[in-house]
Each structure stands twice: as C-alpha cells, then as structure tokens.
Amino acid sequence: MTTTQGVQTILHPVTDLEKAKPVYAALLGVEPIADSPYYVGFEAAGQQIGLVPNSDMTAPVAHWHVTDIEDRINAIVAAGGTLKSPPKDVSNGRLVALVTDPDGNVLGLLQDPS
C-alpha cells in the first residue's frame, strides 16, 4: 500500500506571469483555470501545472499528493530528510509543505481537504 497519490502538481517559478502564461497555454493546449497576480494554474491530463511569480524557488517543484501531510513529513524527517517549509493552507484547506532529501533536492507535499 502506498502513502502517496503520486505527483499531480508541478509548480514553476516565473519572473513575469504575463509572458509565461501564453507559453504554458501553448504547451498544454488549454487556458488557465486559475489566474491571479500570485498564481496561475492549468489543468492538463490530470495534472496541475502552476506558475508562481516572485518565489524563492529556483527550479520547478513536483508536489506529491498525500492523504496525511503531517504523517508524511514525520516519516521523511525520520528517514533523514529535512523540513524546509511547514504545511500552510494555500486555498480552502489545501495544505502544502516542502521537505528536502539528504542531497538538498526539494520535494513538495500537497494534501487536499477531505
């Protein structure tokens, strides 16, 4: 039995949303389903692709969907990972957190409300 629902969300840091939006729309073949000054989100082939301006991310971050974010954080830290950013509610109960593996690779965790 797995403790993850797989990678379903990938966030990309961008410096200019207005320039990035048409590029991702052309790549994915769809228009954004969320479009705000702090986040633009697309849904394609069962994945969420997000554009995040003014972020401290230096590369895209894959977010693993989990049913219990605290449990996964505890398991990852116990296994040698490090908590980078604790869970925070980003919209209507959706929690996101960041951990790193021993080499510093960033892993995103995402829990949707039950």
PDB file of N, CA and C in Angstrom:
ATOM      1  N   MET A   1       0.852  -1.188   0.000  1.00  0.00           N
ATOM      2  CA  MET A   1       0.000   0.000   0.000  1.00  0.00           C
ATOM      3  C   MET A   1       0.885   1.234   0.000  1.00  0.00           C
ATOM      4  N   THR A   2       0.589   2.174  -0.856  1.00  0.00           N
ATOM      5  CA  THR A   2       1.379   3.392  -0.960  1.00  0.00           C
ATOM      6  C   THR A   2       0.792   4.504  -0.086  1.00  0.00           C
ATOM      7  N   THR A   3       1.652   5.434   0.293  1.00  0.00           N
ATOM      8  CA  THR A   3       1.193   6.556   1.119  1.00  0.00           C
ATOM      9  C   THR A   3       1.077   7.833   0.295  1.00  0.00           C
ATOM     10  N   THR A   4       1.209   7.713  -1.011  1.00  0.00           N
ATOM     11  CA  THR A   4       1.095   8.877  -1.878  1.00  0.00           C
ATOM     12  C   THR A   4       0.140   8.585  -3.030  1.00  0.00           C
ATOM     13  N   GLN A   5      -0.428   9.631  -3.557  1.00  0.00           N
ATOM     14  CA  GLN A   5      -1.304   9.521  -4.721  1.00  0.00           C
ATOM     15  C   GLN A   5      -0.544   9.904  -5.983  1.00  0.00           C
ATOM     16  N   GLY A   6       0.771  10.048  -5.863  1.00  0.00           N
ATOM     17  CA  GLY A   6       1.627  10.376  -6.994  1.00  0.00           C
ATOM     18  C   GLY A   6       1.837  11.871  -7.166  1.00  0.00           C
ATOM     19  N   VAL A   7       2.675  12.193  -8.122  1.00  0.00           N
ATOM     20  CA  VAL A   7       2.925  13.600  -8.458  1.00  0.00           C
ATOM     21  C   VAL A   7       1.786  14.059  -9.347  1.00  0.00           C
ATOM     22  N   GLN A   8       1.017  15.021  -8.851  1.00  0.00           N
ATOM     23  CA  GLN A   8      -0.106  15.545  -9.620  1.00  0.00           C
ATOM     24  C   GLN A   8      -0.018  17.059  -9.803  1.00  0.00           C
ATOM     25  N   THR A   9       0.936  17.682  -9.121  1.00  0.00           N
ATOM     26  CA  THR A   9       1.081  19.137  -9.202  1.00  0.00           C
ATOM     27  C   THR A   9       2.545  19.482  -9.356  1.00  0.00           C
ATOM     28  N   ILE A  10       2.841  20.317 -10.333  1.00  0.00           N
ATOM     29  CA  ILE A  10       4.209  20.811 -10.526  1.00  0.00           C
ATOM     30  C   ILE A  10       4.141  22.328 -10.598  1.00  0.00           C
ATOM     31  N   LEU A  11       4.895  22.982  -9.715  1.00  0.00           N
ATOM     32  CA  LEU A  11       4.919  24.439  -9.677  1.00  0.00           C
ATOM     33  C   LEU A  11       6.201  24.943 -10.315  1.00  0.00           C
ATOM     34  N   HIS A  12       6.062  25.955 -11.148  1.00  0.00           N
ATOM     35  CA  HIS A  12       7.191  26.547 -11.859  1.00  0.00           C
ATOM     36  C   HIS A  12       7.385  27.994 -11.410  1.00  0.00           C
ATOM     37  N   PRO A  13       8.583  28.354 -10.982  1.00  0.00           N
ATOM     38  CA  PRO A  13       8.824  29.761 -10.664  1.00  0.00           C
ATOM     39  C   PRO A  13       8.929  30.562 -11.964  1.00  0.00           C
ATOM     40  N   VAL A  14       8.316  31.729 -11.993  1.00  0.00           N
ATOM     41  CA  VAL A  14       8.400  32.606 -13.168  1.00  0.00           C
ATOM     42  C   VAL A  14       8.651  34.032 -12.698  1.00  0.00           C
ATOM     43  N   THR A  15       9.280  34.809 -13.548  1.00  0.00           N
ATOM     44  CA  THR A  15       9.534  36.206 -13.206  1.00  0.00           C
ATOM     45  C   THR A  15       8.471  37.131 -13.779  1.00  0.00           C
ATOM     46  N   ASP A  16       7.789  36.693 -14.841  1.00  0.00           N
ATOM     47  CA  ASP A  16       6.783  37.530 -15.482  1.00  0.00           C
ATOM     48  C   ASP A  16       5.602  36.656 -15.888  1.00  0.00           C
ATOM     49  N   LEU A  17       4.513  36.715 -15.110  1.00  0.00           N
ATOM     50  CA  LEU A  17       3.339  35.891 -15.395  1.00  0.00           C
ATOM     51  C   LEU A  17       2.773  36.151 -16.785  1.00  0.00           C
ATOM     52  N   GLU A  18       2.714  37.406 -17.174  1.00  0.00           N
ATOM     53  CA  GLU A  18       2.098  37.743 -18.461  1.00  0.00           C
ATOM     54  C   GLU A  18       2.876  37.167 -19.634  1.00  0.00           C
ATOM     55  N   LYS A  19       4.176  37.051 -19.508  1.00  0.00           N
ATOM     56  CA  LYS A  19       4.978  36.439 -20.570  1.00  0.00           C
ATOM     57  C   LYS A  19       4.929  34.918 -20.489  1.00  0.00           C
ATOM     58  N   ALA A  20       4.838  34.369 -19.287  1.00  0.00           N
ATOM     59  CA  ALA A  20       4.863  32.919 -19.104  1.00  0.00           C
ATOM     60  C   ALA A  20       3.528  32.256 -19.468  1.00  0.00           C
ATOM     61  N   LYS A  21       2.398  32.923 -19.168  1.00  0.00           N
ATOM     62  CA  LYS A  21       1.076  32.325 -19.398  1.00  0.00           C
ATOM     63  C   LYS A  21       0.884  31.804 -20.819  1.00  0.00           C
ATOM     64  N   PRO A  22       1.165  32.600 -21.860  1.00  0.00           N
ATOM     65  CA  PRO A  22       0.913  32.078 -23.205  1.00  0.00           C
ATOM     66  C   PRO A  22       1.838  30.918 -23.583  1.00  0.00           C
ATOM     67  N   VAL A  23       3.025  30.880 -23.029  1.00  0.00           N
ATOM     68  CA  VAL A  23       3.952  29.778 -23.321  1.00  0.00           C
ATOM     69  C   VAL A  23       3.392  28.463 -22.764  1.00  0.00           C
ATOM     70  N   TYR A  24       2.937  28.507 -21.511  1.00  0.00           N
ATOM     71  CA  TYR A  24       2.387  27.293 -20.897  1.00  0.00           C
ATOM     72  C   TYR A  24       1.045  26.923 -21.516  1.00  0.00           C
ATOM     73  N   ALA A  25       0.239  27.910 -21.901  1.00  0.00           N
ATOM     74  CA  ALA A  25      -1.023  27.625 -22.583  1.00  0.00           C
ATOM     75  C   ALA A  25      -0.752  26.933 -23.919  1.00  0.00           C
ATOM     76  N   ALA A  26       0.279  27.377 -24.629  1.00  0.00           N
ATOM     77  CA  ALA A  26       0.640  26.746 -25.900  1.00  0.00           C
ATOM     78  C   ALA A  26       1.163  25.327 -25.677  1.00  0.00           C
ATOM     79  N   LEU A  27       1.969  25.130 -24.649  1.00  0.00           N
ATOM     80  CA  LEU A  27       2.499  23.804 -24.344  1.00  0.00           C
ATOM     81  C   LEU A  27       1.373  22.838 -23.992  1.00  0.00           C
ATOM     82  N   LEU A  28       0.469  23.266 -23.117  1.00  0.00           N
ATOM     83  CA  LEU A  28      -0.568  22.382 -22.591  1.00  0.00           C
ATOM     84  C   LEU A  28      -1.820  22.322 -23.461  1.00  0.00           C
ATOM     85  N   GLY A  29      -2.000  23.315 -24.311  1.00  0.00           N
ATOM     86  CA  GLY A  29      -3.181  23.343 -25.176  1.00  0.00           C
ATOM     87  C   GLY A  29      -4.463  23.717 -24.462  1.00  0.00           C
ATOM     88  N   VAL A  30      -4.344  24.369 -23.301  1.00  0.00           N
ATOM     89  CA  VAL A  30      -5.516  24.806 -22.533  1.00  0.00           C
ATOM     90  C   VAL A  30      -5.245  26.182 -21.934  1.00  0.00           C
ATOM     91  N   GLU A  31      -6.319  26.870 -21.601  1.00  0.00           N
ATOM     92  CA  GLU A  31      -6.202  28.154 -20.910  1.00  0.00           C
ATOM     93  C   GLU A  31      -6.153  27.905 -19.402  1.00  0.00           C
ATOM     94  N   PRO A  32      -5.667  28.862 -18.626  1.00  0.00           N
ATOM     95  CA  PRO A  32      -5.596  28.685 -17.172  1.00  0.00           C
ATOM     96  C   PRO A  32      -6.972  28.494 -16.543  1.00  0.00           C
ATOM     97  N   ILE A  33      -7.023  27.682 -15.488  1.00  0.00           N
ATOM     98  CA  ILE A  33      -8.256  27.532 -14.707  1.00  0.00           C
ATOM     99  C   ILE A  33      -8.240  28.459 -13.498  1.00  0.00           C
ATOM    100  N   ALA A  34      -7.047  28.954 -13.155  1.00  0.00           N
ATOM    101  CA  ALA A  34      -6.888  29.945 -12.077  1.00  0.00           C
ATOM    102  C   ALA A  34      -5.925  30.996 -12.596  1.00  0.00           C
ATOM    103  N   ASP A  35      -6.283  32.253 -12.414  1.00  0.00           N
ATOM    104  CA  ASP A  35      -5.447  33.323 -12.952  1.00  0.00           C
ATOM    105  C   ASP A  35      -5.494  34.522 -12.007  1.00  0.00           C
ATOM    106  N   SER A  36      -4.456  34.653 -11.197  1.00  0.00           N
ATOM    107  CA  SER A  36      -4.373  35.759 -10.254  1.00  0.00           C
ATOM    108  C   SER A  36      -2.947  36.313 -10.285  1.00  0.00           C
ATOM    109  N   PRO A  37      -2.717  37.453  -9.658  1.00  0.00           N
ATOM    110  CA  PRO A  37      -1.370  38.033  -9.655  1.00  0.00           C
ATOM    111  C   PRO A  37      -0.332  37.183  -8.914  1.00  0.00           C
ATOM    112  N   TYR A  38      -0.773  36.275  -8.046  1.00  0.00           N
ATOM    113  CA  TYR A  38       0.178  35.482  -7.263  1.00  0.00           C
ATOM    114  C   TYR A  38       0.243  34.014  -7.696  1.00  0.00           C
ATOM    115  N   TYR A  39      -0.642  33.582  -8.619  1.00  0.00           N
ATOM    116  CA  TYR A  39      -0.634  32.188  -9.066  1.00  0.00           C
ATOM    117  C   TYR A  39      -1.476  32.043 -10.324  1.00  0.00           C
ATOM    118  N   VAL A  40      -0.951  31.309 -11.290  1.00  0.00           N
ATOM    119  CA  VAL A  40      -1.713  30.941 -12.477  1.00  0.00           C
ATOM    120  C   VAL A  40      -1.643  29.420 -12.575  1.00  0.00           C
ATOM    121  N   GLY A  41      -2.820  28.787 -12.642  1.00  0.00           N
ATOM    122  CA  GLY A  41      -2.854  27.331 -12.663  1.00  0.00           C
ATOM    123  C   GLY A  41      -3.537  26.780 -13.896  1.00  0.00           C
ATOM    124  N   PHE A  42      -2.968  25.706 -14.405  1.00  0.00           N
ATOM    125  CA  PHE A  42      -3.512  24.994 -15.553  1.00  0.00           C
ATOM    126  C   PHE A  42      -3.829  23.570 -15.116  1.00  0.00           C
ATOM    127  N   GLU A  43      -4.795  22.951 -15.777  1.00  0.00           N
ATOM    128  CA  GLU A  43      -5.060  21.540 -15.557  1.00  0.00           C
ATOM    129  C   GLU A  43      -5.000  20.843 -16.911  1.00  0.00           C
ATOM    130  N   ALA A  44      -4.142  19.839 -16.998  1.00  0.00           N
ATOM    131  CA  ALA A  44      -3.986  19.101 -18.251  1.00  0.00           C
ATOM    132  C   ALA A  44      -3.610  17.661 -17.935  1.00  0.00           C
ATOM    133  N   ALA A  45      -4.313  16.743 -18.544  1.00  0.00           N
ATOM    134  CA  ALA A  45      -4.028  15.311 -18.401  1.00  0.00           C
ATOM    135  C   ALA A  45      -3.966  14.885 -16.934  1.00  0.00           C
ATOM    136  N   GLY A  46      -4.869  15.425 -16.125  1.00  0.00           N
ATOM    137  CA  GLY A  46      -4.928  15.041 -14.724  1.00  0.00           C
ATOM    138  C   GLY A  46      -3.861  15.666 -13.847  1.00  0.00           C
ATOM    139  N   GLN A  47      -3.102  16.596 -14.378  1.00  0.00           N
ATOM    140  CA  GLN A  47      -2.077  17.276 -13.590  1.00  0.00           C
ATOM    141  C   GLN A  47      -2.382  18.754 -13.464  1.00  0.00           C
ATOM    142  N   GLN A  48      -1.934  19.309 -12.343  1.00  0.00           N
ATOM    143  CA  GLN A  48      -2.000  20.746 -12.121  1.00  0.00           C
ATOM    144  C   GLN A  48      -0.614  21.311 -12.417  1.00  0.00           C
ATOM    145  N   ILE A  49      -0.555  22.292 -13.267  1.00  0.00           N
ATOM    146  CA  ILE A  49       0.699  22.976 -13.584  1.00  0.00           C
ATOM    147  C   ILE A  49       0.508  24.413 -13.125  1.00  0.00           C
ATOM    148  N   GLY A  50       1.347  24.848 -12.177  1.00  0.00           N
ATOM    149  CA  GLY A  50       1.188  26.180 -11.617  1.00  0.00           C
ATOM    150  C   GLY A  50       2.385  27.069 -11.914  1.00  0.00           C
ATOM    151  N   LEU A  51       2.094  28.341 -12.124  1.00  0.00           N
ATOM    152  CA  LEU A  51       3.130  29.359 -12.317  1.00  0.00           C
ATOM    153  C   LEU A  51       3.116  30.252 -11.086  1.00  0.00           C
ATOM    154  N   VAL A  52       4.276  30.395 -10.464  1.00  0.00           N
ATOM    155  CA  VAL A  52       4.375  31.132  -9.210  1.00  0.00           C
ATOM    156  C   VAL A  52       5.396  32.261  -9.384  1.00  0.00           C
ATOM    157  N   PRO A  53       4.933  33.515  -9.389  1.00  0.00           N
ATOM    158  CA  PRO A  53       5.861  34.635  -9.521  1.00  0.00           C
ATOM    159  C   PRO A  53       6.488  34.993  -8.172  1.00  0.00           C
ATOM    160  N   ASN A  54       7.610  35.666  -8.240  1.00  0.00           N
ATOM    161  CA  ASN A  54       8.265  36.213  -7.037  1.00  0.00           C
ATOM    162  C   ASN A  54       8.451  35.167  -5.950  1.00  0.00           C
ATOM    163  N   SER A  55       8.873  33.997  -6.336  1.00  0.00           N
ATOM    164  CA  SER A  55       9.053  32.890  -5.406  1.00  0.00           C
ATOM    165  C   SER A  55      10.536  32.707  -5.110  1.00  0.00           C
ATOM    166  N   ASP A  56      10.829  32.034  -4.005  1.00  0.00           N
ATOM    167  CA  ASP A  56      12.222  31.705  -3.720  1.00  0.00           C
ATOM    168  C   ASP A  56      12.618  30.375  -4.357  1.00  0.00           C
ATOM    169  N   MET A  57      11.684  29.765  -5.116  1.00  0.00           N
ATOM    170  CA  MET A  57      12.014  28.536  -5.837  1.00  0.00           C
ATOM    171  C   MET A  57      13.043  28.862  -6.913  1.00  0.00           C
ATOM    172  N   THR A  58      13.987  27.975  -7.115  1.00  0.00           N
ATOM    173  CA  THR A  58      14.998  28.165  -8.159  1.00  0.00           C
ATOM    174  C   THR A  58      14.802  27.211  -9.324  1.00  0.00           C
ATOM    175  N   ALA A  59      13.854  26.282  -9.183  1.00  0.00           N
ATOM    176  CA  ALA A  59      13.549  25.307 -10.226  1.00  0.00           C
ATOM    177  C   ALA A  59      12.129  24.808  -9.993  1.00  0.00           C
ATOM    178  N   PRO A  60      11.544  24.151 -10.983  1.00  0.00           N
ATOM    179  CA  PRO A  60      10.216  23.578 -10.758  1.00  0.00           C
ATOM    180  C   PRO A  60      10.246  22.595  -9.586  1.00  0.00           C
ATOM    181  N   VAL A  61       9.121  22.523  -8.877  1.00  0.00           N
ATOM    182  CA  VAL A  61       8.993  21.606  -7.735  1.00  0.00           C
ATOM    183  C   VAL A  61       7.792  20.701  -7.964  1.00  0.00           C
ATOM    184  N   ALA A  62       8.060  19.395  -7.979  1.00  0.00           N
ATOM    185  CA  ALA A  62       6.997  18.398  -8.089  1.00  0.00           C
ATOM    186  C   ALA A  62       6.365  18.222  -6.715  1.00  0.00           C
ATOM    187  N   HIS A  63       5.056  18.229  -6.671  1.00  0.00           N
ATOM    188  CA  HIS A  63       4.319  18.052  -5.415  1.00  0.00           C
ATOM    189  C   HIS A  63       3.627  16.695  -5.404  1.00  0.00           C
ATOM    190  N   TRP A  64       3.995  15.888  -4.431  1.00  0.00           N
ATOM    191  CA  TRP A  64       3.388  14.583  -4.221  1.00  0.00           C
ATOM    192  C   TRP A  64       2.105  14.774  -3.432  1.00  0.00           C
ATOM    193  N   HIS A  65       1.005  14.246  -3.933  1.00  0.00           N
ATOM    194  CA  HIS A  65      -0.271  14.336  -3.237  1.00  0.00           C
ATOM    195  C   HIS A  65      -0.332  13.230  -2.188  1.00  0.00           C
ATOM    196  N   VAL A  66      -0.656  13.620  -0.974  1.00  0.00           N
ATOM    197  CA  VAL A  66      -0.712  12.682   0.154  1.00  0.00           C
ATOM    198  C   VAL A  66      -2.026  12.865   0.903  1.00  0.00           C
ATOM    199  N   THR A  67      -2.412  11.859   1.658  1.00  0.00           N
ATOM    200  CA  THR A  67      -3.656  11.949   2.421  1.00  0.00           C
ATOM    201  C   THR A  67      -3.420  12.489   3.827  1.00  0.00           C
ATOM    202  N   ASP A  68      -2.179  12.396   4.341  1.00  0.00           N
ATOM    203  CA  ASP A  68      -1.858  12.882   5.682  1.00  0.00           C
ATOM    204  C   ASP A  68      -0.488  13.550   5.645  1.00  0.00           C
ATOM    205  N   ILE A  69      -0.482  14.857   5.431  1.00  0.00           N
ATOM    206  CA  ILE A  69       0.764  15.589   5.225  1.00  0.00           C
ATOM    207  C   ILE A  69       1.679  15.544   6.454  1.00  0.00           C
ATOM    208  N   GLU A  70       1.117  15.647   7.639  1.00  0.00           N
ATOM    209  CA  GLU A  70       1.934  15.604   8.855  1.00  0.00           C
ATOM    210  C   GLU A  70       2.616  14.251   8.999  1.00  0.00           C
ATOM    211  N   ASP A  71       1.890  13.186   8.728  1.00  0.00           N
ATOM    212  CA  ASP A  71       2.448  11.836   8.811  1.00  0.00           C
ATOM    213  C   ASP A  71       3.600  11.671   7.824  1.00  0.00           C
ATOM    214  N   ARG A  72       3.419  12.154   6.602  1.00  0.00           N
ATOM    215  CA  ARG A  72       4.478  12.028   5.584  1.00  0.00           C
ATOM    216  C   ARG A  72       5.692  12.852   5.976  1.00  0.00           C
ATOM    217  N   ILE A  73       5.474  14.064   6.501  1.00  0.00           N
ATOM    218  CA  ILE A  73       6.606  14.897   6.936  1.00  0.00           C
ATOM    219  C   ILE A  73       7.383  14.167   8.032  1.00  0.00           C
ATOM    220  N   ASN A  74       6.678  13.645   9.023  1.00  0.00           N
ATOM    221  CA  ASN A  74       7.343  12.940  10.118  1.00  0.00           C
ATOM    222  C   ASN A  74       8.138  11.745   9.606  1.00  0.00           C
ATOM    223  N   ALA A  75       7.565  10.985   8.677  1.00  0.00           N
ATOM    224  CA  ALA A  75       8.254   9.815   8.130  1.00  0.00           C
ATOM    225  C   ALA A  75       9.496  10.229   7.345  1.00  0.00           C
ATOM    226  N   ILE A  76       9.395  11.293   6.561  1.00  0.00           N
ATOM    227  CA  ILE A  76      10.522  11.754   5.747  1.00  0.00           C
ATOM    228  C   ILE A  76      11.642  12.276   6.636  1.00  0.00           C
ATOM    229  N   VAL A  77      11.299  13.062   7.647  1.00  0.00           N
ATOM    230  CA  VAL A  77      12.309  13.586   8.574  1.00  0.00           C
ATOM    231  C   VAL A  77      12.972  12.437   9.336  1.00  0.00           C
ATOM    232  N   ALA A  78      12.186  11.462   9.782  1.00  0.00           N
ATOM    233  CA  ALA A  78      12.744  10.310  10.487  1.00  0.00           C
ATOM    234  C   ALA A  78      13.691   9.505   9.593  1.00  0.00           C
ATOM    235  N   ALA A  79      13.449   9.539   8.291  1.00  0.00           N
ATOM    236  CA  ALA A  79      14.274   8.798   7.343  1.00  0.00           C
ATOM    237  C   ALA A  79      15.513   9.573   6.898  1.00  0.00           C
ATOM    238  N   GLY A  80      15.681  10.815   7.382  1.00  0.00           N
ATOM    239  CA  GLY A  80      16.868  11.590   7.027  1.00  0.00           C
ATOM    240  C   GLY A  80      16.609  12.833   6.207  1.00  0.00           C
ATOM    241  N   GLY A  81      15.347  13.105   5.879  1.00  0.00           N
ATOM    242  CA  GLY A  81      15.011  14.331   5.165  1.00  0.00           C
ATOM    243  C   GLY A  81      14.926  15.506   6.125  1.00  0.00           C
ATOM    244  N   THR A  82      14.712  16.690   5.579  1.00  0.00           N
ATOM    245  CA  THR A  82      14.644  17.912   6.378  1.00  0.00           C
ATOM    246  C   THR A  82      13.399  18.702   5.999  1.00  0.00           C
ATOM    247  N   LEU A  83      12.716  19.222   7.000  1.00  0.00           N
ATOM    248  CA  LEU A  83      11.567  20.084   6.742  1.00  0.00           C
ATOM    249  C   LEU A  83      12.074  21.442   6.288  1.00  0.00           C
ATOM    250  N   LYS A  84      11.673  21.871   5.103  1.00  0.00           N
ATOM    251  CA  LYS A  84      12.087  23.169   4.553  1.00  0.00           C
ATOM    252  C   LYS A  84      11.019  24.224   4.797  1.00  0.00           C
ATOM    253  N   SER A  85       9.747  23.842   4.632  1.00  0.00           N
ATOM    254  CA  SER A  85       8.636  24.770   4.807  1.00  0.00           C
ATOM    255  C   SER A  85       7.462  23.986   5.373  1.00  0.00           C
ATOM    256  N   PRO A  86       6.997  24.342   6.579  1.00  0.00           N
ATOM    257  CA  PRO A  86       5.902  23.582   7.198  1.00  0.00           C
ATOM    258  C   PRO A  86       4.602  23.744   6.419  1.00  0.00           C
ATOM    259  N   PRO A  87       3.641  22.878   6.682  1.00  0.00           N
ATOM    260  CA  PRO A  87       2.370  22.959   5.959  1.00  0.00           C
ATOM    261  C   PRO A  87       1.705  24.324   6.122  1.00  0.00           C
ATOM    262  N   LYS A  88       1.194  24.822   5.013  1.00  0.00           N
ATOM    263  CA  LYS A  88       0.404  26.054   5.067  1.00  0.00           C
ATOM    264  C   LYS A  88      -0.795  25.892   4.153  1.00  0.00           C
ATOM    265  N   ASP A  89      -1.870  26.530   4.550  1.00  0.00           N
ATOM    266  CA  ASP A  89      -3.114  26.491   3.784  1.00  0.00           C
ATOM    267  C   ASP A  89      -2.992  27.500   2.651  1.00  0.00           C
ATOM    268  N   VAL A  90      -3.055  27.009   1.414  1.00  0.00           N
ATOM    269  CA  VAL A  90      -2.914  27.899   0.270  1.00  0.00           C
ATOM    270  C   VAL A  90      -4.252  28.238  -0.382  1.00  0.00           C
ATOM    271  N   SER A  91      -5.302  27.488  -0.022  1.00  0.00           N
ATOM    272  CA  SER A  91      -6.625  27.789  -0.561  1.00  0.00           C
ATOM    273  C   SER A  91      -7.638  26.766  -0.079  1.00  0.00           C
ATOM    274  N   ASN A  92      -8.594  27.221   0.700  1.00  0.00           N
ATOM    275  CA  ASN A  92      -9.727  26.383   1.110  1.00  0.00           C
ATOM    276  C   ASN A  92      -9.334  25.042   1.723  1.00  0.00           C
ATOM    277  N   GLY A  93      -8.327  25.036   2.566  1.00  0.00           N
ATOM    278  CA  GLY A  93      -7.929  23.809   3.242  1.00  0.00           C
ATOM    279  C   GLY A  93      -6.881  22.986   2.529  1.00  0.00           C
ATOM    280  N   ARG A  94      -6.443  23.400   1.355  1.00  0.00           N
ATOM    281  CA  ARG A  94      -5.354  22.699   0.641  1.00  0.00           C
ATOM    282  C   ARG A  94      -4.045  23.054   1.335  1.00  0.00           C
ATOM    283  N   LEU A  95      -3.353  22.022   1.819  1.00  0.00           N
ATOM    284  CA  LEU A  95      -2.097  22.221   2.538  1.00  0.00           C
ATOM    285  C   LEU A  95      -0.912  21.863   1.652  1.00  0.00           C
ATOM    286  N   VAL A  96       0.118  22.687   1.708  1.00  0.00           N
ATOM    287  CA  VAL A  96       1.366  22.372   1.006  1.00  0.00           C
ATOM    288  C   VAL A  96       2.529  22.535   1.973  1.00  0.00           C
ATOM    289  N   ALA A  97       3.544  21.721   1.773  1.00  0.00           N
ATOM    290  CA  ALA A  97       4.763  21.775   2.572  1.00  0.00           C
ATOM    291  C   ALA A  97       5.923  21.380   1.677  1.00  0.00           C
ATOM    292  N   LEU A  98       7.119  21.753   2.097  1.00  0.00           N
ATOM    293  CA  LEU A  98       8.325  21.373   1.365  1.00  0.00           C
ATOM    294  C   LEU A  98       9.286  20.666   2.298  1.00  0.00           C
ATOM    295  N   VAL A  99       9.873  19.599   1.807  1.00  0.00           N
ATOM    296  CA  VAL A  99      10.933  18.884   2.511  1.00  0.00           C
ATOM    297  C   VAL A  99      12.094  18.742   1.544  1.00  0.00           C
ATOM    298  N   THR A 100      13.262  18.404   2.082  1.00  0.00           N
ATOM    299  CA  THR A 100      14.405  18.135   1.209  1.00  0.00           C
ATOM    300  C   THR A 100      14.948  16.754   1.518  1.00  0.00           C
ATOM    301  N   ASP A 101      15.528  16.134   0.502  1.00  0.00           N
ATOM    302  CA  ASP A 101      16.202  14.859   0.720  1.00  0.00           C
ATOM    303  C   ASP A 101      17.620  15.151   1.197  1.00  0.00           C
ATOM    304  N   PRO A 102      18.423  14.139   1.509  1.00  0.00           N
ATOM    305  CA  PRO A 102      19.772  14.392   2.029  1.00  0.00           C
ATOM    306  C   PRO A 102      20.684  15.181   1.093  1.00  0.00           C
ATOM    307  N   ASP A 103      20.364  15.212  -0.207  1.00  0.00           N
ATOM    308  CA  ASP A 103      21.169  15.983  -1.155  1.00  0.00           C
ATOM    309  C   ASP A 103      20.647  17.390  -1.380  1.00  0.00           C
ATOM    310  N   GLY A 104      19.569  17.758  -0.685  1.00  0.00           N
ATOM    311  CA  GLY A 104      19.014  19.099  -0.821  1.00  0.00           C
ATOM    312  C   GLY A 104      17.956  19.232  -1.893  1.00  0.00           C
ATOM    313  N   ASN A 105      17.595  18.128  -2.555  1.00  0.00           N
ATOM    314  CA  ASN A 105      16.522  18.185  -3.551  1.00  0.00           C
ATOM    315  C   ASN A 105      15.209  18.495  -2.848  1.00  0.00           C
ATOM    316  N   VAL A 106      14.455  19.421  -3.410  1.00  0.00           N
ATOM    317  CA  VAL A 106      13.199  19.849  -2.807  1.00  0.00           C
ATOM    318  C   VAL A 106      12.071  18.947  -3.279  1.00  0.00           C
ATOM    319  N   LEU A 107      11.289  18.454  -2.303  1.00  0.00           N
ATOM    320  CA  LEU A 107      10.115  17.634  -2.579  1.00  0.00           C
ATOM    321  C   LEU A 107       8.898  18.353  -2.025  1.00  0.00           C
ATOM    322  N   GLY A 108       7.913  18.568  -2.856  1.00  0.00           N
ATOM    323  CA  GLY A 108       6.683  19.195  -2.403  1.00  0.00           C
ATOM    324  C   GLY A 108       5.688  18.143  -1.942  1.00  0.00           C
ATOM    325  N   LEU A 109       4.944  18.473  -0.914  1.00  0.00           N
ATOM    326  CA  LEU A 109       3.856  17.621  -0.423  1.00  0.00           C
ATOM    327  C   LEU A 109       2.578  18.433  -0.485  1.00  0.00           C
ATOM    328  N   LEU A 110       1.480  17.817  -0.881  1.00  0.00           N
ATOM    329  CA  LEU A 110       0.208  18.514  -1.014  1.00  0.00           C
ATOM    330  C   LEU A 110      -0.901  17.624  -0.486  1.00  0.00           C
ATOM    331  N   GLN A 111      -1.717  18.182   0.394  1.00  0.00           N
ATOM    332  CA  GLN A 111      -2.884  17.458   0.932  1.00  0.00           C
ATOM    333  C   GLN A 111      -4.127  18.281   0.653  1.00  0.00           C
ATOM    334  N   ASP A 112      -5.056  17.677  -0.080  1.00  0.00           N
ATOM    335  CA  ASP A 112      -6.341  18.326  -0.310  1.00  0.00           C
ATOM    336  C   ASP A 112      -7.256  18.073   0.871  1.00  0.00           C
ATOM    337  N   PRO A 113      -8.219  18.959   1.110  1.00  0.00           N
ATOM    338  CA  PRO A 113      -9.161  18.739   2.219  1.00  0.00           C
ATOM    339  C   PRO A 113      -9.952  17.450   2.000  1.00  0.00           C
ATOM    340  N   SER A 114     -10.322  16.813   3.075  1.00  0.00           N
ATOM    341  CA  SER A 114     -11.072  15.553   2.987  1.00  0.00           C
ATOM    342  C   SER A 114     -12.466  15.770   2.470  1.00  0.00           C
TER     343      SER A 114
END
